[in-house]
Amino acid sequence: MVITPEEALFLYKAEKSLYSFFKQAWPWIEGATPLIEGWHIAAIADHLEACYRREIKNLMIHVPPRSSKTSLISIAFPAWSWIHNPQEKFLYASYAGSLSLEHSLKCRRLIESPWYQERWGDRVRLSSDQNAKGFFDNTAGGYRIATSVGASATGRGGSILICDDPNNAKDGESEVKRDNTNQWYSQVWSTRLNNAKEDIKIIVQQRIHEQDLSGYILAQESDEPWVQLILPNEFEESRRSRTIVLPLTNGKVWQDPRKKEGDLLCSTRFGKKETDRAKRELGSYGYAGQYQQRPAPADGGIFKKSWFKWWKSEEPPQIQMLVQSWDTAYSEKPTSDYSACTTWGVWEDHNGHINVILMGLWRGRVGYEELRKKAKRLHFDYRDTGEERNPAFKGREIGLCLVEATGFGDQLIKDLRKAQVIAIPFIPQKYGDKTRRAHLVCPIIEGGIVWLPAQPPHYKDLKPFAQELERYATIFPKSDSRDVIDTMTQALIHLNNGFHLNHPHDPFWDDPPVIKKPIKVY
């Protein structure tokens, strides 16, 4: 092929830059549909190039829908990579086999297109004996295999493994489907690298749940760090994405270039009007996951961060009663639910209003015998949350131990009573499901009478156990940690029913309930 100097320049740019290649290839990928360019597409392309060069080994890309990410990652990327190394072996998986096949077919058509073959046909030519929709290879030994989450991946390995939308956004609430995806990844997909030291894993999705595939991977203890390219639709300074040094960043770590809070990712494609419509149609949780790349809204869903008050003093208030609240599970298996316990201090402020402050939190997977021992230890001292009891701890008075009457709860109440612990059952069915119980206590928390202790001496952060509860509360019910929130809601419901809690805007009782004299806690 005879080419002009201008064509030679385009050819040079396409080979050197994945983003330039993508722009030139666009008509052969999407036909007459115009490409709406954006810096975010270039950023994704730069990080994919870093993966190809083995500068990034594990990459997560979290980007809103309709951002051209699939056309770039699943169609253009392997075609561009084969120009430089036709021996690369790609494995692709999506939540649906039909989706994977569609992407595979488009990639094959791009490589077979006259535009591609006229320029790089001397380097990349598909084999005639293995040229199917879901599996095609080239004459240099490279291949691209399309499979689906849950499939066996045909038993083959790859040098670049890419999960493009491993979780279906519609199935975010299905624990069974999330668990199946996570199990498939850990037992099948993660074992398919041909060379574990050199090969690449890439996850591309929206953050639809705390335990979606990205959340599951990040929660595992691993020596392999993941680079996270997080691109929310609306810019959040507190979550500005920062990754690694790239060739185009002049020796600096790449970061989201937006400056102003709320700046849109690509206003020419998805502007304020479209953003407002997505918020209305998807709701706060749906928009937060699919467009902001967080499992819950920034300030929380049912519970807002701003509702919780921060206690900024080394000394707690003058506690008048301590209440422990338990939610129990059946076993210590890794896939079972957690048991949880929170301890709350009840106290009266200078206006005579009854307030509640979090004093301690424990959460774990244990069998019944260990659960019974843990309950006794925490009743002796609510801070005794470690594996080994600290003999320096002194006894604390727990006025009431509230236990959800499900799971091991009934038996735990009997055993605690034998140990002279004041344990009473909480019957959750009287108040509806977990979400309804959460709504019942919202006015109490919103009223500003529920406190979380801040970390001295600067009080810029909450204490670790308080941070844990705040995180669980703000992502509820999108979390696998509803057990902790169950302990909070049942404690607040019980206290409210006992007339211990009054909303600050409600009138005082003429004859307020009598509670114990202050006890010293520290």
Protein backbone atom coordinates (compact mmCIF):
# COMPACT_ATOMS: atom_id res chain seq x y z
CA MET A 1 0.00 0.00 0.00
CA VAL A 2 1.34 3.40 -1.01
CA ILE A 3 0.62 5.98 1.68
CA THR A 4 0.92 9.73 1.80
CA PRO A 5 2.98 11.58 4.42
CA GLU A 6 -0.26 12.50 6.18
CA GLU A 7 -1.34 8.85 6.24
CA ALA A 8 2.10 7.87 7.51
CA LEU A 9 1.68 10.28 10.41
CA PHE A 10 -1.73 8.82 11.27
CA LEU A 11 -0.24 5.32 11.07
CA TYR A 12 2.60 6.34 13.40
CA LYS A 13 0.17 7.84 15.91
CA ALA A 14 -2.11 4.80 15.82
CA GLU A 15 0.76 2.45 16.54
CA LYS A 16 2.25 4.64 19.26
CA SER A 17 -1.00 5.52 21.07
CA LEU A 18 -3.94 3.26 21.88
CA TYR A 19 -6.20 6.31 22.11
CA SER A 20 -5.16 7.50 18.62
CA PHE A 21 -5.72 3.96 17.32
CA PHE A 22 -9.15 3.91 18.95
CA LYS A 23 -10.21 7.19 17.35
CA GLN A 24 -9.09 6.05 13.90
CA ALA A 25 -10.72 2.63 14.33
CA TRP A 26 -14.01 4.03 15.63
CA PRO A 27 -15.91 3.93 12.27
CA TRP A 28 -15.03 0.25 11.95
CA ILE A 29 -16.23 -0.42 15.51
CA GLU A 30 -19.42 1.63 15.75
CA GLY A 31 -20.16 2.57 12.14
CA ALA A 32 -21.80 5.95 11.58
CA THR A 33 -22.31 6.68 15.27
CA PRO A 34 -20.08 9.68 16.02
CA LEU A 35 -17.37 9.35 18.65
CA ILE A 36 -17.68 11.85 21.49
CA GLU A 37 -14.12 12.29 22.66
CA GLY A 38 -13.12 12.91 26.24
CA TRP A 39 -10.10 13.00 28.50
CA HIS A 40 -11.47 10.03 30.43
CA ILE A 41 -11.18 7.80 27.35
CA ALA A 42 -7.57 8.88 26.90
CA ALA A 43 -6.93 8.16 30.61
CA ILE A 44 -8.31 4.63 30.31
CA ALA A 45 -6.24 4.05 27.15
CA ASP A 46 -3.06 5.26 28.89
CA HIS A 47 -3.63 2.83 31.76
CA LEU A 48 -4.30 -0.04 29.36
CA GLU A 49 -1.02 0.76 27.61
CA ALA A 50 0.70 0.57 31.01
CA CYS A 51 -0.82 -2.88 31.46
CA TYR A 52 0.46 -3.96 28.04
CA ARG A 53 3.96 -2.76 29.03
CA ARG A 54 3.61 -4.68 32.35
CA GLU A 55 3.89 -1.45 34.36
CA ILE A 56 0.51 -2.26 35.90
CA LYS A 57 -0.14 -5.86 36.82
CA ASN A 58 -3.63 -5.56 38.34
CA LEU A 59 -5.98 -2.80 37.19
CA MET A 60 -9.53 -1.88 38.21
CA ILE A 61 -11.45 0.59 36.07
CA HIS A 62 -14.63 2.04 37.55
CA VAL A 63 -16.44 4.27 35.08
CA PRO A 64 -20.11 5.18 34.39
CA PRO A 65 -22.12 3.35 31.72
CA ARG A 66 -22.09 4.56 28.13
CA SER A 67 -18.54 5.89 28.44
CA SER A 68 -17.17 4.02 25.38
CA LYS A 69 -15.18 1.83 27.77
CA THR A 70 -16.23 -1.49 26.23
CA SER A 71 -15.42 -0.36 22.68
CA LEU A 72 -11.97 0.65 23.89
CA ILE A 73 -11.19 -2.18 26.31
CA SER A 74 -12.86 -5.21 24.77
CA ILE A 75 -12.62 -4.37 21.06
CA ALA A 76 -9.79 -1.93 20.30
CA PHE A 77 -7.28 -2.96 22.98
CA PRO A 78 -6.53 -6.52 21.76
CA ALA A 79 -6.40 -5.36 18.13
CA TRP A 80 -3.89 -2.63 19.06
CA SER A 81 -1.84 -4.97 21.27
CA TRP A 82 -1.45 -7.52 18.48
CA ILE A 83 0.17 -4.84 16.29
CA HIS A 84 3.06 -4.86 18.78
CA ASN A 85 2.90 -8.43 20.04
CA PRO A 86 0.61 -10.78 18.13
CA GLN A 87 1.41 -13.55 20.63
CA GLU A 88 -0.65 -11.93 23.42
CA LYS A 89 -3.40 -14.24 24.64
CA PHE A 90 -6.59 -12.52 25.79
CA LEU A 91 -9.34 -13.99 27.95
CA TYR A 92 -12.51 -11.92 28.27
CA ALA A 93 -15.51 -12.51 30.52
CA SER A 94 -18.78 -10.66 31.13
CA TYR A 95 -21.81 -11.49 33.26
CA ALA A 96 -23.62 -12.76 30.14
CA GLY A 97 -22.21 -15.02 27.46
CA SER A 98 -24.16 -13.18 24.75
CA LEU A 99 -22.48 -9.92 25.73
CA SER A 100 -19.01 -11.49 25.57
CA LEU A 101 -19.76 -12.96 22.15
CA GLU A 102 -20.96 -9.61 20.82
CA HIS A 103 -17.72 -7.92 21.88
CA SER A 104 -15.65 -10.76 20.44
CA LEU A 105 -17.43 -10.53 17.10
CA LYS A 106 -16.82 -6.77 16.89
CA CYS A 107 -13.15 -7.24 17.71
CA ARG A 108 -12.78 -9.91 15.01
CA ARG A 109 -14.52 -7.69 12.45
CA LEU A 110 -12.17 -4.82 13.28
CA ILE A 111 -9.10 -7.00 12.76
CA GLU A 112 -10.50 -8.36 9.47
CA SER A 113 -11.52 -4.90 8.24
CA PRO A 114 -9.76 -3.46 5.14
CA TRP A 115 -8.60 -0.51 7.25
CA TYR A 116 -6.75 -2.78 9.70
CA GLN A 117 -5.48 -5.36 7.22
CA GLU A 118 -4.10 -2.74 4.80
CA ARG A 119 -1.98 -1.31 7.61
CA TRP A 120 -1.04 -4.29 9.77
CA GLY A 121 -2.09 -7.35 7.84
CA ASP A 122 1.58 -8.32 7.45
CA ARG A 123 1.77 -8.67 11.26
CA VAL A 124 -1.72 -9.82 12.22
CA ARG A 125 -3.73 -12.34 10.26
CA LEU A 126 -6.39 -14.57 11.74
CA SER A 127 -6.11 -18.34 11.41
CA SER A 128 -8.65 -19.82 9.06
CA ASP A 129 -9.08 -23.02 11.10
CA GLN A 130 -10.04 -21.25 14.35
CA ASN A 131 -12.19 -18.29 13.54
CA ALA A 132 -15.38 -18.47 15.59
CA LYS A 133 -17.43 -15.79 17.32
CA GLY A 134 -16.14 -16.56 20.78
CA PHE A 135 -12.67 -17.88 19.98
CA PHE A 136 -10.31 -16.77 17.28
CA ASP A 137 -6.54 -16.84 17.03
CA ASN A 138 -3.87 -15.44 14.74
CA THR A 139 -1.06 -17.05 12.82
CA ALA A 140 1.53 -15.90 15.42
CA GLY A 141 -0.10 -17.86 18.24
CA GLY A 142 -2.10 -15.15 19.94
CA TYR A 143 -5.82 -15.59 20.60
CA ARG A 144 -8.89 -13.94 22.05
CA ILE A 145 -11.38 -16.09 23.99
CA ALA A 146 -14.79 -14.86 25.12
CA THR A 147 -16.53 -16.55 28.02
CA SER A 148 -18.99 -15.66 30.75
CA VAL A 149 -18.94 -15.46 34.52
CA GLY A 150 -19.53 -18.95 35.87
CA ALA A 151 -18.17 -20.73 32.81
CA SER A 152 -15.04 -22.87 32.81
CA ALA A 153 -13.09 -20.50 30.50
CA THR A 154 -12.58 -23.50 28.17
CA GLY A 155 -9.63 -24.67 30.28
CA ARG A 156 -7.20 -22.31 28.55
CA GLY A 157 -4.98 -19.69 30.10
CA GLY A 158 -4.17 -16.18 29.01
CA SER A 159 -1.56 -13.46 29.33
CA ILE A 160 -4.17 -10.69 29.76
CA LEU A 161 -7.39 -11.52 31.62
CA ILE A 162 -10.20 -8.97 31.44
CA CYS A 163 -13.55 -9.04 33.28
CA ASP A 164 -15.76 -6.45 31.58
CA ASP A 165 -18.94 -6.00 33.68
CA PRO A 166 -18.65 -9.18 35.76
CA ASN A 167 -21.70 -8.13 37.83
CA ASN A 168 -25.02 -7.31 36.24
CA ALA A 169 -26.25 -4.01 37.73
CA LYS A 170 -29.75 -5.50 37.95
CA ASP A 171 -28.47 -8.28 40.22
CA GLY A 172 -26.70 -6.06 42.74
CA GLU A 173 -29.12 -7.00 45.51
CA SER A 174 -28.80 -10.75 44.90
CA GLU A 175 -26.37 -12.17 47.45
CA VAL A 176 -26.47 -15.55 45.72
CA LYS A 177 -25.42 -14.12 42.35
CA ARG A 178 -22.71 -11.95 43.92
CA ASP A 179 -21.32 -14.93 45.81
CA ASN A 180 -21.38 -17.08 42.67
CA THR A 181 -19.43 -14.42 40.76
CA ASN A 182 -16.86 -14.05 43.54
CA GLN A 183 -16.45 -17.80 43.88
CA TRP A 184 -16.00 -18.19 40.11
CA TYR A 185 -13.33 -15.49 40.13
CA SER A 186 -11.35 -16.98 43.02
CA GLN A 187 -11.60 -20.62 41.96
CA VAL A 188 -11.59 -20.38 38.15
CA TRP A 189 -10.71 -17.03 36.65
CA SER A 190 -7.77 -16.06 38.86
CA THR A 191 -6.05 -19.37 38.07
CA ARG A 192 -5.97 -18.76 34.29
CA LEU A 193 -2.84 -16.65 34.08
CA ASN A 194 -0.19 -18.36 31.96
CA ASN A 195 2.61 -16.62 33.87
CA ALA A 196 1.50 -15.44 37.31
CA LYS A 197 4.58 -13.23 37.70
CA GLU A 198 4.19 -11.31 34.45
CA ASP A 199 0.61 -11.52 33.22
CA ILE A 200 -2.19 -9.02 33.67
CA LYS A 201 -5.64 -8.93 35.31
CA ILE A 202 -8.12 -6.15 34.56
CA ILE A 203 -11.55 -5.62 36.15
CA VAL A 204 -13.97 -3.14 34.55
CA GLN A 205 -17.32 -2.36 36.19
CA GLN A 206 -19.60 0.01 38.07
CA ARG A 207 -19.58 -0.31 41.87
CA ILE A 208 -23.06 -1.67 42.44
CA HIS A 209 -22.48 -3.23 45.88
CA GLU A 210 -19.88 -3.36 48.61
CA GLN A 211 -19.43 -7.06 47.85
CA ASP A 212 -19.44 -6.88 44.05
CA LEU A 213 -16.37 -8.41 42.44
CA SER A 214 -14.20 -5.31 42.94
CA GLY A 215 -15.22 -5.02 46.59
CA TYR A 216 -14.63 -8.73 47.14
CA ILE A 217 -11.13 -8.56 45.67
CA LEU A 218 -10.15 -5.44 47.60
CA ALA A 219 -11.36 -7.01 50.86
CA GLN A 220 -8.99 -9.96 50.47
CA GLU A 221 -5.59 -9.87 52.08
CA SER A 222 -3.23 -10.00 49.14
CA ASP A 223 0.38 -9.16 48.36
CA GLU A 224 -0.70 -8.02 44.89
CA PRO A 225 -1.74 -4.35 44.88
CA TRP A 226 -4.48 -3.18 42.55
CA VAL A 227 -4.28 0.12 40.71
CA GLN A 228 -7.75 1.71 40.85
CA LEU A 229 -8.79 4.11 38.10
CA ILE A 230 -12.00 5.58 39.56
CA LEU A 231 -13.89 7.97 37.31
CA PRO A 232 -17.18 9.17 38.85
CA ASN A 233 -19.62 11.16 36.76
CA GLU A 234 -19.52 14.04 39.26
CA PHE A 235 -16.09 14.95 40.61
CA GLU A 236 -15.48 14.50 44.35
CA GLU A 237 -12.29 16.09 45.62
CA SER A 238 -12.14 13.78 48.64
CA ARG A 239 -12.08 10.78 46.29
CA ARG A 240 -9.81 12.18 43.55
CA SER A 241 -8.39 9.19 41.68
CA ARG A 242 -4.58 8.87 41.72
CA THR A 243 -2.78 5.95 40.10
CA ILE A 244 0.82 5.72 38.85
CA VAL A 245 3.39 7.68 36.88
CA LEU A 246 2.60 7.46 33.16
CA PRO A 247 4.70 8.56 30.15
CA LEU A 248 2.39 11.52 29.54
CA THR A 249 2.36 12.78 33.17
CA ASN A 250 5.93 14.18 33.15
CA GLY A 251 7.16 12.10 36.06
CA LYS A 252 4.09 12.76 38.22
CA VAL A 253 1.43 10.35 39.38
CA TRP A 254 -1.64 10.49 37.15
CA GLN A 255 -4.68 12.02 38.81
CA ASP A 256 -8.19 13.05 37.86
CA PRO A 257 -7.65 16.47 36.22
CA ARG A 258 -10.94 18.00 37.36
CA LYS A 259 -10.70 20.97 39.71
CA LYS A 260 -14.21 21.87 40.84
CA GLU A 261 -16.46 19.76 43.05
CA GLY A 262 -19.26 18.34 40.92
CA ASP A 263 -17.52 18.81 37.56
CA LEU A 264 -18.94 16.27 35.11
CA LEU A 265 -16.87 13.53 33.51
CA CYS A 266 -17.98 14.30 29.96
CA SER A 267 -20.59 17.05 29.82
CA THR A 268 -20.80 16.89 26.01
CA ARG A 269 -22.12 13.35 26.26
CA PHE A 270 -23.77 13.29 29.69
CA GLY A 271 -24.59 16.77 30.94
CA LYS A 272 -26.52 18.14 33.89
CA LYS A 273 -29.91 17.35 32.33
CA GLU A 274 -28.95 13.72 31.77
CA THR A 275 -27.38 13.52 35.24
CA ASP A 276 -30.54 14.80 36.92
CA ARG A 277 -32.64 12.33 34.94
CA ALA A 278 -30.38 9.42 35.97
CA LYS A 279 -30.73 10.43 39.62
CA ARG A 280 -34.52 10.44 39.34
CA GLU A 281 -34.74 7.16 37.44
CA LEU A 282 -32.13 5.17 39.36
CA GLY A 283 -32.62 6.60 42.83
CA SER A 284 -29.81 7.57 45.19
CA TYR A 285 -28.32 4.08 45.51
CA GLY A 286 -28.53 3.21 41.82
CA TYR A 287 -26.96 6.50 40.78
CA ALA A 288 -24.25 6.25 43.45
CA GLY A 289 -23.20 2.79 42.27
CA GLN A 290 -23.44 3.14 38.52
CA TYR A 291 -22.38 6.76 38.10
CA GLN A 292 -20.40 7.73 41.21
CA GLN A 293 -18.61 4.39 41.64
CA ARG A 294 -19.56 3.97 45.29
CA PRO A 295 -21.96 1.34 46.71
CA ALA A 296 -24.00 4.03 48.50
CA PRO A 297 -24.50 7.82 48.31
CA ALA A 298 -21.65 9.90 49.73
CA ASP A 299 -23.59 11.02 52.80
CA GLY A 300 -25.41 7.72 53.16
CA GLY A 301 -28.73 6.32 52.02
CA ILE A 302 -31.23 5.61 54.77
CA PHE A 303 -28.79 6.90 57.40
CA LYS A 304 -26.88 10.12 56.71
CA LYS A 305 -23.37 10.70 58.04
CA SER A 306 -24.34 14.20 59.08
CA TRP A 307 -26.99 12.84 61.44
CA PHE A 308 -24.46 11.25 63.78
CA LYS A 309 -22.95 13.62 66.33
CA TRP A 310 -19.22 13.44 67.16
CA TRP A 311 -18.12 13.30 70.79
CA LYS A 312 -14.91 15.34 70.94
CA SER A 313 -13.52 14.73 74.39
CA GLU A 314 -11.17 12.15 75.90
CA GLU A 315 -13.66 11.57 78.70
CA PRO A 316 -17.05 10.11 77.77
CA PRO A 317 -20.22 11.74 79.09
CA GLN A 318 -21.64 10.81 82.48
CA ILE A 319 -23.14 7.47 81.47
CA GLN A 320 -26.29 6.52 83.34
CA MET A 321 -26.80 3.08 81.80
CA LEU A 322 -24.93 0.73 79.47
CA VAL A 323 -26.88 -1.37 76.98
CA GLN A 324 -25.41 -4.18 74.89
CA SER A 325 -27.19 -5.31 71.73
CA TRP A 326 -26.54 -8.65 70.03
CA ASP A 327 -27.26 -10.07 66.59
CA THR A 328 -26.21 -13.73 66.33
CA ALA A 329 -25.48 -16.06 63.40
CA TYR A 330 -25.31 -19.83 63.07
CA SER A 331 -21.72 -20.82 62.38
CA GLU A 332 -18.12 -19.79 61.86
CA LYS A 333 -17.98 -20.87 58.18
CA PRO A 334 -16.33 -18.27 55.90
CA THR A 335 -19.58 -17.88 53.94
CA SER A 336 -21.89 -17.61 56.96
CA ASP A 337 -23.31 -14.42 58.40
CA TYR A 338 -21.49 -12.52 61.11
CA SER A 339 -22.46 -12.20 64.75
CA ALA A 340 -22.21 -8.67 66.10
CA CYS A 341 -22.47 -6.73 69.33
CA THR A 342 -22.60 -2.99 69.98
CA THR A 343 -22.50 -1.32 73.39
CA TRP A 344 -24.32 1.95 73.97
CA GLY A 345 -24.11 4.44 76.79
CA VAL A 346 -27.27 6.32 77.81
CA TRP A 347 -26.76 9.81 79.27
CA GLU A 348 -28.55 13.08 79.88
CA ASP A 349 -27.32 16.34 78.37
CA HIS A 350 -27.46 19.77 79.97
CA ASN A 351 -30.90 20.38 78.45
CA GLY A 352 -32.30 17.29 80.10
CA HIS A 353 -32.49 15.31 76.85
CA ILE A 354 -31.52 11.64 76.90
CA ASN A 355 -28.69 10.86 74.44
CA VAL A 356 -26.94 7.68 73.32
CA ILE A 357 -23.24 7.20 72.57
CA LEU A 358 -21.48 4.20 71.00
CA MET A 359 -19.04 2.69 73.48
CA GLY A 360 -17.84 -0.45 71.69
CA LEU A 361 -18.32 -2.78 68.71
CA TRP A 362 -17.44 -6.39 67.99
CA ARG A 363 -18.11 -8.43 64.85
CA GLY A 364 -16.97 -11.92 63.93
CA ARG A 365 -17.74 -15.38 62.60
CA VAL A 366 -17.68 -17.85 65.50
CA GLY A 367 -19.36 -21.05 66.58
CA TYR A 368 -21.79 -21.05 69.46
CA GLU A 369 -19.32 -21.98 72.19
CA GLU A 370 -17.01 -19.12 71.22
CA LEU A 371 -20.01 -16.80 70.89
CA ARG A 372 -21.11 -17.60 74.44
CA LYS A 373 -17.62 -16.94 75.79
CA LYS A 374 -17.38 -13.69 73.84
CA ALA A 375 -20.74 -12.50 75.21
CA LYS A 376 -19.59 -13.09 78.78
CA ARG A 377 -16.29 -11.31 78.17
CA LEU A 378 -17.96 -8.31 76.57
CA HIS A 379 -20.44 -8.14 79.42
CA PHE A 380 -17.51 -7.95 81.82
CA ASP A 381 -15.88 -5.24 79.69
CA TYR A 382 -17.27 -3.92 76.41
CA ARG A 383 -13.74 -3.04 75.22
CA ASP A 384 -12.58 -6.66 75.42
CA THR A 385 -12.90 -7.29 71.66
CA GLY A 386 -9.51 -8.95 71.03
CA GLU A 387 -8.68 -12.62 70.80
CA GLU A 388 -6.98 -12.62 74.19
CA ARG A 389 -8.50 -11.02 77.25
CA ASN A 390 -6.50 -8.21 78.82
CA PRO A 391 -6.20 -8.99 82.56
CA ALA A 392 -5.75 -5.28 83.28
CA PHE A 393 -9.37 -4.61 82.27
CA LYS A 394 -11.64 -3.85 85.18
CA GLY A 395 -15.28 -4.79 85.44
CA ARG A 396 -17.95 -2.54 83.95
CA GLU A 397 -21.62 -2.58 84.75
CA ILE A 398 -23.86 -3.51 81.81
CA GLY A 399 -27.42 -2.57 82.72
CA LEU A 400 -29.09 -4.60 79.98
CA CYS A 401 -28.10 -7.18 77.38
CA LEU A 402 -30.49 -7.18 74.43
CA VAL A 403 -30.36 -10.26 72.17
CA GLU A 404 -32.19 -10.72 68.88
CA ALA A 405 -34.36 -13.81 69.32
CA THR A 406 -33.22 -15.54 66.13
CA GLY A 407 -30.28 -17.80 65.28
CA PHE A 408 -28.41 -18.65 68.46
CA GLY A 409 -30.20 -15.83 70.26
CA ASP A 410 -32.67 -17.87 72.31
CA GLN A 411 -30.00 -20.23 73.61
CA LEU A 412 -27.62 -17.34 74.28
CA ILE A 413 -30.26 -15.60 76.42
CA LYS A 414 -30.68 -18.74 78.54
CA ASP A 415 -26.95 -19.19 79.02
CA LEU A 416 -26.36 -15.53 79.86
CA ARG A 417 -29.14 -15.61 82.44
CA LYS A 418 -27.48 -18.65 84.04
CA ALA A 419 -24.35 -16.49 84.29
CA GLN A 420 -26.45 -13.81 86.06
CA VAL A 421 -26.43 -11.49 83.05
CA ILE A 422 -29.63 -9.48 82.56
CA ALA A 423 -30.45 -10.67 79.02
CA ILE A 424 -33.81 -10.11 77.34
CA PRO A 425 -35.04 -11.05 73.87
CA PHE A 426 -35.70 -8.61 71.06
CA ILE A 427 -38.43 -9.85 68.71
CA PRO A 428 -37.58 -8.30 65.30
CA GLN A 429 -40.77 -9.51 63.61
CA LYS A 430 -42.79 -7.05 65.69
CA TYR A 431 -41.16 -4.15 63.86
CA GLY A 432 -40.86 -5.44 60.30
CA ASP A 433 -37.78 -6.30 58.25
CA LYS A 434 -34.30 -4.82 58.65
CA THR A 435 -35.01 -1.87 56.38
CA ARG A 436 -38.25 -0.94 58.11
CA ARG A 437 -36.54 -1.11 61.52
CA ALA A 438 -33.88 1.20 60.16
CA HIS A 439 -36.50 3.72 59.08
CA LEU A 440 -38.10 3.56 62.55
CA VAL A 441 -34.93 4.88 64.22
CA CYS A 442 -34.07 7.50 61.60
CA PRO A 443 -35.86 10.32 63.48
CA ILE A 444 -33.85 9.49 66.62
CA ILE A 445 -30.52 9.71 64.80
CA GLU A 446 -31.55 12.70 62.71
CA GLY A 447 -32.55 14.43 65.94
CA GLY A 448 -28.88 14.58 66.93
CA ILE A 449 -29.00 12.45 70.06
CA VAL A 450 -26.86 9.53 68.80
CA TRP A 451 -23.13 10.12 69.25
CA LEU A 452 -19.95 8.52 67.92
CA PRO A 453 -16.63 9.07 69.76
CA ALA A 454 -13.91 10.97 67.87
CA GLN A 455 -10.21 10.16 68.07
CA PRO A 456 -8.12 12.40 70.36
CA PRO A 457 -6.17 14.59 70.41
CA HIS A 458 -7.26 16.39 67.20
CA TYR A 459 -10.74 14.82 66.77
CA LYS A 460 -10.54 14.99 62.97
CA ASP A 461 -11.50 11.31 62.69
CA LEU A 462 -13.71 8.92 64.56
CA LYS A 463 -12.27 6.17 66.71
CA PRO A 464 -11.77 3.01 64.62
CA PHE A 465 -14.80 1.13 65.97
CA ALA A 466 -16.95 4.24 65.46
CA GLN A 467 -15.67 4.60 61.89
CA GLU A 468 -16.70 1.01 61.34
CA LEU A 469 -20.26 1.62 62.49
CA GLU A 470 -20.52 4.86 60.49
CA ARG A 471 -19.40 3.04 57.35
CA TYR A 472 -21.90 0.23 57.87
CA ALA A 473 -24.69 2.74 58.53
CA THR A 474 -24.07 4.90 55.47
CA ILE A 475 -23.97 1.96 53.04
CA PHE A 476 -26.95 0.17 54.60
CA PRO A 477 -28.75 -1.81 53.22
CA LYS A 478 -26.23 -2.32 50.38
CA SER A 479 -23.77 -3.97 52.74
CA ASP A 480 -23.11 -7.48 53.92
CA SER A 481 -22.76 -5.87 57.36
CA ARG A 482 -26.42 -5.46 58.17
CA ASP A 483 -25.78 -7.41 61.36
CA VAL A 484 -24.06 -4.42 62.97
CA ILE A 485 -26.89 -2.09 61.98
CA ASP A 486 -29.39 -4.61 63.37
CA THR A 487 -27.73 -4.26 66.77
CA MET A 488 -28.00 -0.47 66.54
CA THR A 489 -31.62 -0.38 65.43
CA GLN A 490 -32.82 -2.86 68.04
CA ALA A 491 -31.02 -0.98 70.81
CA LEU A 492 -32.55 2.33 69.75
CA ILE A 493 -36.02 0.81 69.28
CA HIS A 494 -35.90 -0.79 72.71
CA LEU A 495 -34.69 2.38 74.40
CA ASN A 496 -37.29 4.45 72.59
CA ASN A 497 -40.07 2.06 73.63
CA GLY A 498 -38.87 2.36 77.21
CA PHE A 499 -39.26 6.15 76.98
CA HIS A 500 -35.54 6.67 77.49
CA LEU A 501 -35.20 8.59 74.22
CA ASN A 502 -36.97 11.79 73.34
CA HIS A 503 -36.55 13.66 70.07
CA PRO A 504 -35.23 17.15 70.93
CA HIS A 505 -38.26 18.72 69.24
CA ASP A 506 -40.73 16.68 71.28
CA PRO A 507 -42.12 18.02 74.60
CA PHE A 508 -40.74 16.73 77.89
CA TRP A 509 -42.71 14.22 79.89
CA ASP A 510 -44.20 15.65 83.08
CA ASP A 511 -42.90 12.59 84.89
CA PRO A 512 -39.78 11.49 82.99
CA PRO A 513 -38.63 7.89 83.31
CA VAL A 514 -36.24 7.09 86.11
CA ILE A 515 -32.86 5.75 85.09
CA LYS A 516 -29.80 4.82 87.09
CA LYS A 517 -27.35 7.22 88.64
CA PRO A 518 -24.28 8.01 86.56
CA ILE A 519 -21.59 5.34 86.50
CA LYS A 520 -17.94 5.97 85.70
CA VAL A 521 -16.81 4.46 82.40
CA TYR A 522 -13.51 4.97 80.66
